[in-house]
Amino acid sequence: MTTASSQPNFPGGTPEERESEMTTASSQTSFPRGTPEEREFEFRAHVGAMWSGSRLFIAMYTFLLASVCFAYFYLRSSNNAQLWRPHNVTAPLYYGWAIYILLLFTALMALFGQTRFRKGSVNDWQIAGWAGVLSGLVALFLQIFEFTKVPFNPGSSAYASIFIGFACVNCLTIFAGTYWLETTLARSLRIRKELGGTNPELSTAFTARSLRANVSAMTYFWGYIALSSTLFLWMFYRF
């Protein structure tokens, strides 16, 4: 004989409550069972943690980029034995500008897509997002391929050493940003499969609201990448 205690512990409450929230049991397993006020409180904490975590991640990543900047300006100012940049060696300008333009394009696509997303045009956001993923992958390929085209050895000068370190960090930056952008698009496709209907990403379901918070954090990170890339373009690819 089945009792109330043997019923499945659905985190969204009764089936009627879950249907009114346009979600499924599988998409709400991360939220505890309770009153609507308790579930809303838990979700707000989830969104707040996502907002704070993304900003803390950018702050920590800034220290990594700051170490490159410190080494660059310190070695440039000291210029021991005139070995900072002998013969004004420079990394290939066309690769640097191509990578910068692609990263700027990806950041603009992320920003444009988020703007359209907020206005209800989910398809426009997805098209802009996939265009950004493609340009990010091309930028990553060019950054890796540039290692084969630099006109100096890694230890030939201070500039060469710092540039190789920067290029490795930039590969990590491009990969992280592109991966984050791709995962938000993949989550959007999963939400469409789970919830169904027209533009479920705009619904009040927990997974949809979590996606929107994630998109906002991802776009913020790509804006940060665009700004930092402008600084490094000036540092390493000047004539």
C-alpha atoms as a PDB file:
ATOM      1  CA  MET A   1       0.000   0.000   0.000  1.00  0.00           C
ATOM      2  CA  THR A   2       1.452   3.314  -1.029  1.00  0.00           C
ATOM      3  CA  THR A   3       1.638   6.098   1.539  1.00  0.00           C
ATOM      4  CA  ALA A   4       2.419   9.796   1.195  1.00  0.00           C
ATOM      5  CA  SER A   5       5.964   9.222   2.471  1.00  0.00           C
ATOM      6  CA  SER A   6       6.681   6.802  -0.393  1.00  0.00           C
ATOM      7  CA  GLN A   7       5.836   9.306  -3.103  1.00  0.00           C
ATOM      8  CA  PRO A   8       8.736  10.630  -5.197  1.00  0.00           C
ATOM      9  CA  ASN A   9      10.374  13.672  -3.661  1.00  0.00           C
ATOM     10  CA  PHE A  10       9.887  16.135  -6.507  1.00  0.00           C
ATOM     11  CA  PRO A  11      11.767  19.377  -5.810  1.00  0.00           C
ATOM     12  CA  GLY A  12       9.110  21.464  -7.532  1.00  0.00           C
ATOM     13  CA  GLY A  13       6.263  20.306  -5.252  1.00  0.00           C
ATOM     14  CA  THR A  14       3.112  18.698  -6.631  1.00  0.00           C
ATOM     15  CA  PRO A  15       2.764  17.943 -10.352  1.00  0.00           C
ATOM     16  CA  GLU A  16       0.340  20.863 -10.642  1.00  0.00           C
ATOM     17  CA  GLU A  17       2.888  23.264  -9.168  1.00  0.00           C
ATOM     18  CA  ARG A  18       5.626  21.978 -11.457  1.00  0.00           C
ATOM     19  CA  GLU A  19       3.414  22.335 -14.504  1.00  0.00           C
ATOM     20  CA  SER A  20       2.568  25.922 -13.587  1.00  0.00           C
ATOM     21  CA  GLU A  21       6.295  26.698 -13.367  1.00  0.00           C
ATOM     22  CA  MET A  22       6.915  25.201 -16.864  1.00  0.00           C
ATOM     23  CA  THR A  23       9.629  22.834 -15.727  1.00  0.00           C
ATOM     24  CA  THR A  24      10.289  19.160 -15.214  1.00  0.00           C
ATOM     25  CA  ALA A  25      11.541  17.125 -12.301  1.00  0.00           C
ATOM     26  CA  SER A  26      14.854  16.450 -14.015  1.00  0.00           C
ATOM     27  CA  SER A  27      15.500  20.155 -14.557  1.00  0.00           C
ATOM     28  CA  GLN A  28      14.842  21.088 -10.920  1.00  0.00           C
ATOM     29  CA  THR A  29      16.840  18.505  -9.013  1.00  0.00           C
ATOM     30  CA  SER A  30      19.253  21.175  -7.795  1.00  0.00           C
ATOM     31  CA  PHE A  31      16.529  23.123  -5.961  1.00  0.00           C
ATOM     32  CA  PRO A  32      15.140  21.939  -2.614  1.00  0.00           C
ATOM     33  CA  ARG A  33      11.536  21.162  -1.931  1.00  0.00           C
ATOM     34  CA  GLY A  34       9.584  23.724   0.055  1.00  0.00           C
ATOM     35  CA  THR A  35       7.177  26.586  -0.194  1.00  0.00           C
ATOM     36  CA  PRO A  36       7.262  28.867  -3.262  1.00  0.00           C
ATOM     37  CA  GLU A  37       8.903  31.537  -1.101  1.00  0.00           C
ATOM     38  CA  GLU A  38      11.651  29.139  -0.034  1.00  0.00           C
ATOM     39  CA  ARG A  39      12.290  27.968  -3.577  1.00  0.00           C
ATOM     40  CA  GLU A  40      12.428  31.588  -4.773  1.00  0.00           C
ATOM     41  CA  PHE A  41      14.899  32.427  -2.005  1.00  0.00           C
ATOM     42  CA  GLU A  42      17.119  29.493  -2.951  1.00  0.00           C
ATOM     43  CA  PHE A  43      17.032  30.504  -6.596  1.00  0.00           C
ATOM     44  CA  ARG A  44      17.907  34.121  -5.822  1.00  0.00           C
ATOM     45  CA  ALA A  45      20.863  32.841  -3.826  1.00  0.00           C
ATOM     46  CA  HIS A  46      21.852  30.728  -6.833  1.00  0.00           C
ATOM     47  CA  VAL A  47      21.730  33.728  -9.187  1.00  0.00           C
ATOM     48  CA  GLY A  48      23.578  35.886  -6.672  1.00  0.00           C
ATOM     49  CA  ALA A  49      26.323  33.275  -6.360  1.00  0.00           C
ATOM     50  CA  MET A  50      26.621  33.151 -10.146  1.00  0.00           C
ATOM     51  CA  TRP A  51      26.901  36.935 -10.342  1.00  0.00           C
ATOM     52  CA  SER A  52      29.464  37.141  -7.554  1.00  0.00           C
ATOM     53  CA  GLY A  53      31.403  34.107  -8.787  1.00  0.00           C
ATOM     54  CA  SER A  54      31.788  35.470 -12.307  1.00  0.00           C
ATOM     55  CA  ARG A  55      33.088  38.814 -10.999  1.00  0.00           C
ATOM     56  CA  LEU A  56      35.471  37.077  -8.594  1.00  0.00           C
ATOM     57  CA  PHE A  57      36.713  34.905 -11.463  1.00  0.00           C
ATOM     58  CA  ILE A  58      37.453  38.024 -13.522  1.00  0.00           C
ATOM     59  CA  ALA A  59      39.202  39.619 -10.532  1.00  0.00           C
ATOM     60  CA  MET A  60      41.404  36.549 -10.046  1.00  0.00           C
ATOM     61  CA  TYR A  61      42.115  36.354 -13.756  1.00  0.00           C
ATOM     62  CA  THR A  62      43.181  40.003 -13.656  1.00  0.00           C
ATOM     63  CA  PHE A  63      46.046  39.032 -11.359  1.00  0.00           C
ATOM     64  CA  LEU A  64      47.278  36.579 -13.998  1.00  0.00           C
ATOM     65  CA  LEU A  65      47.194  39.259 -16.690  1.00  0.00           C
ATOM     66  CA  ALA A  66      48.706  41.792 -14.304  1.00  0.00           C
ATOM     67  CA  SER A  67      51.734  39.537 -13.844  1.00  0.00           C
ATOM     68  CA  VAL A  68      52.346  39.719 -17.603  1.00  0.00           C
ATOM     69  CA  CYS A  69      52.001  43.507 -17.545  1.00  0.00           C
ATOM     70  CA  PHE A  70      54.356  43.825 -14.567  1.00  0.00           C
ATOM     71  CA  ALA A  71      57.034  41.679 -16.207  1.00  0.00           C
ATOM     72  CA  TYR A  72      56.674  43.642 -19.456  1.00  0.00           C
ATOM     73  CA  PHE A  73      57.070  47.109 -17.961  1.00  0.00           C
ATOM     74  CA  TYR A  74      59.720  46.064 -15.438  1.00  0.00           C
ATOM     75  CA  LEU A  75      61.995  44.453 -18.014  1.00  0.00           C
ATOM     76  CA  ARG A  76      61.359  47.245 -20.477  1.00  0.00           C
ATOM     77  CA  SER A  77      62.345  49.910 -17.957  1.00  0.00           C
ATOM     78  CA  SER A  78      65.442  48.051 -16.716  1.00  0.00           C
ATOM     79  CA  ASN A  79      66.656  47.003 -20.228  1.00  0.00           C
ATOM     80  CA  ASN A  80      69.694  45.174 -18.867  1.00  0.00           C
ATOM     81  CA  ALA A  81      72.562  44.913 -21.373  1.00  0.00           C
ATOM     82  CA  GLN A  82      70.262  46.478 -23.951  1.00  0.00           C
ATOM     83  CA  LEU A  83      68.539  43.117 -24.359  1.00  0.00           C
ATOM     84  CA  TRP A  84      64.972  44.251 -23.907  1.00  0.00           C
ATOM     85  CA  ARG A  85      64.193  44.380 -27.610  1.00  0.00           C
ATOM     86  CA  PRO A  86      67.332  44.189 -29.760  1.00  0.00           C
ATOM     87  CA  HIS A  87      66.880  45.364 -33.345  1.00  0.00           C
ATOM     88  CA  ASN A  88      63.253  46.250 -32.463  1.00  0.00           C
ATOM     89  CA  VAL A  89      62.051  42.695 -33.031  1.00  0.00           C
ATOM     90  CA  THR A  90      58.273  42.437 -33.099  1.00  0.00           C
ATOM     91  CA  ALA A  91      55.790  39.592 -33.220  1.00  0.00           C
ATOM     92  CA  PRO A  92      53.995  39.245 -36.594  1.00  0.00           C
ATOM     93  CA  LEU A  93      51.713  42.259 -36.790  1.00  0.00           C
ATOM     94  CA  TYR A  94      49.182  40.694 -39.130  1.00  0.00           C
ATOM     95  CA  TYR A  95      48.607  37.782 -36.734  1.00  0.00           C
ATOM     96  CA  GLY A  96      48.237  40.103 -33.785  1.00  0.00           C
ATOM     97  CA  TRP A  97      45.739  42.358 -35.521  1.00  0.00           C
ATOM     98  CA  ALA A  98      43.806  39.398 -36.940  1.00  0.00           C
ATOM     99  CA  ILE A  99      43.485  37.834 -33.475  1.00  0.00           C
ATOM    100  CA  TYR A 100      42.454  41.158 -31.963  1.00  0.00           C
ATOM    101  CA  ILE A 101      39.786  41.791 -34.605  1.00  0.00           C
ATOM    102  CA  LEU A 102      38.364  38.285 -34.129  1.00  0.00           C
ATOM    103  CA  LEU A 103      38.227  38.681 -30.357  1.00  0.00           C
ATOM    104  CA  LEU A 104      36.601  42.077 -30.694  1.00  0.00           C
ATOM    105  CA  PHE A 105      34.064  40.583 -33.099  1.00  0.00           C
ATOM    106  CA  THR A 106      33.274  37.779 -30.639  1.00  0.00           C
ATOM    107  CA  ALA A 107      32.775  40.267 -27.817  1.00  0.00           C
ATOM    108  CA  LEU A 108      30.486  42.374 -29.988  1.00  0.00           C
ATOM    109  CA  MET A 109      28.495  39.278 -30.988  1.00  0.00           C
ATOM    110  CA  ALA A 110      28.106  38.336 -27.327  1.00  0.00           C
ATOM    111  CA  LEU A 111      26.937  41.842 -26.458  1.00  0.00           C
ATOM    112  CA  PHE A 112      24.625  42.088 -29.452  1.00  0.00           C
ATOM    113  CA  GLY A 113      23.208  38.631 -28.747  1.00  0.00           C
ATOM    114  CA  GLN A 114      22.497  39.460 -25.117  1.00  0.00           C
ATOM    115  CA  THR A 115      20.746  42.671 -26.161  1.00  0.00           C
ATOM    116  CA  ARG A 116      18.525  40.748 -28.586  1.00  0.00           C
ATOM    117  CA  PHE A 117      17.970  38.036 -25.974  1.00  0.00           C
ATOM    118  CA  ARG A 118      16.654  40.595 -23.483  1.00  0.00           C
ATOM    119  CA  LYS A 119      14.278  41.869 -26.145  1.00  0.00           C
ATOM    120  CA  GLY A 120      12.900  38.369 -26.718  1.00  0.00           C
ATOM    121  CA  SER A 121      14.771  37.433 -29.903  1.00  0.00           C
ATOM    122  CA  VAL A 122      16.292  34.145 -28.781  1.00  0.00           C
ATOM    123  CA  ASN A 123      17.116  33.027 -32.327  1.00  0.00           C
ATOM    124  CA  ASP A 124      19.116  36.198 -32.939  1.00  0.00           C
ATOM    125  CA  TRP A 125      21.090  35.499 -29.767  1.00  0.00           C
ATOM    126  CA  GLN A 126      21.835  31.947 -30.857  1.00  0.00           C
ATOM    127  CA  ILE A 127      22.961  33.024 -34.333  1.00  0.00           C
ATOM    128  CA  ALA A 128      25.195  35.727 -32.876  1.00  0.00           C
ATOM    129  CA  GLY A 129      26.498  33.267 -30.291  1.00  0.00           C
ATOM    130  CA  TRP A 130      27.480  30.596 -32.802  1.00  0.00           C
ATOM    131  CA  ALA A 131      29.143  33.259 -34.962  1.00  0.00           C
ATOM    132  CA  GLY A 132      31.103  34.284 -31.867  1.00  0.00           C
ATOM    133  CA  VAL A 133      32.105  30.676 -31.164  1.00  0.00           C
ATOM    134  CA  LEU A 134      33.400  30.313 -34.725  1.00  0.00           C
ATOM    135  CA  SER A 135      35.432  33.522 -34.571  1.00  0.00           C
ATOM    136  CA  GLY A 136      36.781  32.533 -31.148  1.00  0.00           C
ATOM    137  CA  LEU A 137      37.965  29.179 -32.463  1.00  0.00           C
ATOM    138  CA  VAL A 138      39.654  30.859 -35.431  1.00  0.00           C
ATOM    139  CA  ALA A 139      41.357  33.317 -33.071  1.00  0.00           C
ATOM    140  CA  LEU A 140      42.570  30.409 -30.917  1.00  0.00           C
ATOM    141  CA  PHE A 141      43.962  28.631 -33.986  1.00  0.00           C
ATOM    142  CA  LEU A 142      45.790  31.773 -35.132  1.00  0.00           C
ATOM    143  CA  GLN A 143      47.235  32.364 -31.681  1.00  0.00           C
ATOM    144  CA  ILE A 144      48.630  28.821 -31.593  1.00  0.00           C
ATOM    145  CA  PHE A 145      49.847  28.957 -35.197  1.00  0.00           C
ATOM    146  CA  GLU A 146      51.621  32.250 -34.496  1.00  0.00           C
ATOM    147  CA  PHE A 147      54.178  30.338 -32.416  1.00  0.00           C
ATOM    148  CA  THR A 148      55.552  28.950 -35.671  1.00  0.00           C
ATOM    149  CA  LYS A 149      55.901  32.406 -37.243  1.00  0.00           C
ATOM    150  CA  VAL A 150      57.627  34.514 -34.576  1.00  0.00           C
ATOM    151  CA  PRO A 151      61.005  35.846 -35.846  1.00  0.00           C
ATOM    152  CA  PHE A 152      62.844  35.147 -32.579  1.00  0.00           C
ATOM    153  CA  ASN A 153      63.644  32.389 -30.125  1.00  0.00           C
ATOM    154  CA  PRO A 154      61.834  32.406 -26.755  1.00  0.00           C
ATOM    155  CA  GLY A 155      64.987  33.287 -24.794  1.00  0.00           C
ATOM    156  CA  SER A 156      66.635  35.615 -27.280  1.00  0.00           C
ATOM    157  CA  SER A 157      65.476  38.770 -25.493  1.00  0.00           C
ATOM    158  CA  ALA A 158      63.287  39.975 -22.666  1.00  0.00           C
ATOM    159  CA  TYR A 159      60.575  40.992 -25.126  1.00  0.00           C
ATOM    160  CA  ALA A 160      60.617  37.517 -26.696  1.00  0.00           C
ATOM    161  CA  SER A 161      60.294  35.784 -23.340  1.00  0.00           C
ATOM    162  CA  ILE A 162      57.404  37.980 -22.203  1.00  0.00           C
ATOM    163  CA  PHE A 163      55.635  37.599 -25.536  1.00  0.00           C
ATOM    164  CA  ILE A 164      55.744  33.796 -25.382  1.00  0.00           C
ATOM    165  CA  GLY A 165      54.309  33.923 -21.870  1.00  0.00           C
ATOM    166  CA  PHE A 166      51.597  36.319 -22.993  1.00  0.00           C
ATOM    167  CA  ALA A 167      50.702  34.135 -25.990  1.00  0.00           C
ATOM    168  CA  CYS A 168      50.250  31.099 -23.721  1.00  0.00           C
ATOM    169  CA  VAL A 169      48.024  33.093 -21.368  1.00  0.00           C
ATOM    170  CA  ASN A 170      46.057  34.431 -24.333  1.00  0.00           C
ATOM    171  CA  CYS A 171      45.424  30.902 -25.579  1.00  0.00           C
ATOM    172  CA  LEU A 172      43.945  30.087 -22.172  1.00  0.00           C
ATOM    173  CA  THR A 173      41.862  33.267 -22.222  1.00  0.00           C
ATOM    174  CA  ILE A 174      40.429  32.627 -25.685  1.00  0.00           C
ATOM    175  CA  PHE A 175      39.680  29.004 -24.858  1.00  0.00           C
ATOM    176  CA  ALA A 176      37.924  29.899 -21.595  1.00  0.00           C
ATOM    177  CA  GLY A 177      35.790  32.600 -23.193  1.00  0.00           C
ATOM    178  CA  THR A 178      34.843  30.510 -26.216  1.00  0.00           C
ATOM    179  CA  TYR A 179      34.054  27.476 -24.080  1.00  0.00           C
ATOM    180  CA  TRP A 180      31.829  29.553 -21.800  1.00  0.00           C
ATOM    181  CA  LEU A 181      29.985  30.992 -24.799  1.00  0.00           C
ATOM    182  CA  GLU A 182      29.471  27.526 -26.303  1.00  0.00           C
ATOM    183  CA  THR A 183      28.161  26.044 -23.063  1.00  0.00           C
ATOM    184  CA  THR A 184      25.504  28.758 -22.743  1.00  0.00           C
ATOM    185  CA  LEU A 185      24.317  27.940 -26.255  1.00  0.00           C
ATOM    186  CA  ALA A 186      24.311  24.225 -25.454  1.00  0.00           C
ATOM    187  CA  ARG A 187      22.252  24.873 -22.309  1.00  0.00           C
ATOM    188  CA  SER A 188      19.765  26.815 -24.401  1.00  0.00           C
ATOM    189  CA  LEU A 189      19.321  23.833 -26.720  1.00  0.00           C
ATOM    190  CA  ARG A 190      18.864  21.512 -23.736  1.00  0.00           C
ATOM    191  CA  ILE A 191      16.233  23.804 -22.216  1.00  0.00           C
ATOM    192  CA  ARG A 192      14.304  23.779 -25.492  1.00  0.00           C
ATOM    193  CA  LYS A 193      14.353  20.000 -25.466  1.00  0.00           C
ATOM    194  CA  GLU A 194      13.286  19.727 -21.809  1.00  0.00           C
ATOM    195  CA  LEU A 195      10.617  22.428 -21.621  1.00  0.00           C
ATOM    196  CA  GLY A 196       9.361  22.627 -25.196  1.00  0.00           C
ATOM    197  CA  GLY A 197       7.121  25.403 -26.413  1.00  0.00           C
ATOM    198  CA  THR A 198       8.124  28.690 -28.005  1.00  0.00           C
ATOM    199  CA  ASN A 199      11.222  30.373 -26.601  1.00  0.00           C
ATOM    200  CA  PRO A 200      11.307  28.472 -23.290  1.00  0.00           C
ATOM    201  CA  GLU A 201      14.538  30.356 -22.485  1.00  0.00           C
ATOM    202  CA  LEU A 202      12.329  33.347 -21.668  1.00  0.00           C
ATOM    203  CA  SER A 203      10.049  31.434 -19.300  1.00  0.00           C
ATOM    204  CA  THR A 204       9.983  31.631 -15.511  1.00  0.00           C
ATOM    205  CA  ALA A 205      11.395  28.126 -15.100  1.00  0.00           C
ATOM    206  CA  PHE A 206      14.424  27.883 -12.834  1.00  0.00           C
ATOM    207  CA  THR A 207      16.654  26.529 -15.591  1.00  0.00           C
ATOM    208  CA  ALA A 208      15.653  29.315 -17.979  1.00  0.00           C
ATOM    209  CA  ARG A 209      16.262  32.044 -15.411  1.00  0.00           C
ATOM    210  CA  SER A 210      19.592  30.472 -14.513  1.00  0.00           C
ATOM    211  CA  LEU A 211      20.538  30.494 -18.201  1.00  0.00           C
ATOM    212  CA  ARG A 212      19.796  34.208 -18.491  1.00  0.00           C
ATOM    213  CA  ALA A 213      22.019  34.934 -15.483  1.00  0.00           C
ATOM    214  CA  ASN A 214      24.777  32.826 -17.019  1.00  0.00           C
ATOM    215  CA  VAL A 215      24.506  34.654 -20.344  1.00  0.00           C
ATOM    216  CA  SER A 216      24.873  37.974 -18.552  1.00  0.00           C
ATOM    217  CA  ALA A 217      28.022  36.814 -16.740  1.00  0.00           C
ATOM    218  CA  MET A 218      29.505  35.358 -19.927  1.00  0.00           C
ATOM    219  CA  THR A 219      28.925  38.602 -21.841  1.00  0.00           C
ATOM    220  CA  TYR A 220      30.592  40.546 -19.052  1.00  0.00           C
ATOM    221  CA  PHE A 221      33.652  38.299 -19.339  1.00  0.00           C
ATOM    222  CA  TRP A 222      33.880  38.828 -23.093  1.00  0.00           C
ATOM    223  CA  GLY A 223      33.793  42.573 -22.560  1.00  0.00           C
ATOM    224  CA  TYR A 224      36.719  42.101 -20.206  1.00  0.00           C
ATOM    225  CA  ILE A 225      38.572  40.085 -22.853  1.00  0.00           C
ATOM    226  CA  ALA A 226      38.042  42.837 -25.424  1.00  0.00           C
ATOM    227  CA  LEU A 227      39.452  45.502 -23.083  1.00  0.00           C
ATOM    228  CA  SER A 228      42.473  43.446 -22.034  1.00  0.00           C
ATOM    229  CA  SER A 229      43.190  42.502 -25.661  1.00  0.00           C
ATOM    230  CA  THR A 230      43.337  46.187 -26.564  1.00  0.00           C
ATOM    231  CA  LEU A 231      46.021  46.735 -23.928  1.00  0.00           C
ATOM    232  CA  PHE A 232      48.099  43.765 -25.028  1.00  0.00           C
ATOM    233  CA  LEU A 233      47.795  44.752 -28.684  1.00  0.00           C
ATOM    234  CA  TRP A 234      49.388  48.086 -27.789  1.00  0.00           C
ATOM    235  CA  MET A 235      52.095  46.381 -25.725  1.00  0.00           C
ATOM    236  CA  PHE A 236      53.233  43.659 -28.106  1.00  0.00           C
ATOM    237  CA  TYR A 237      52.224  44.597 -31.626  1.00  0.00           C
ATOM    238  CA  ARG A 238      53.327  48.189 -31.980  1.00  0.00           C
ATOM    239  CA  PHE A 239      55.431  49.100 -34.983  1.00  0.00           C
END
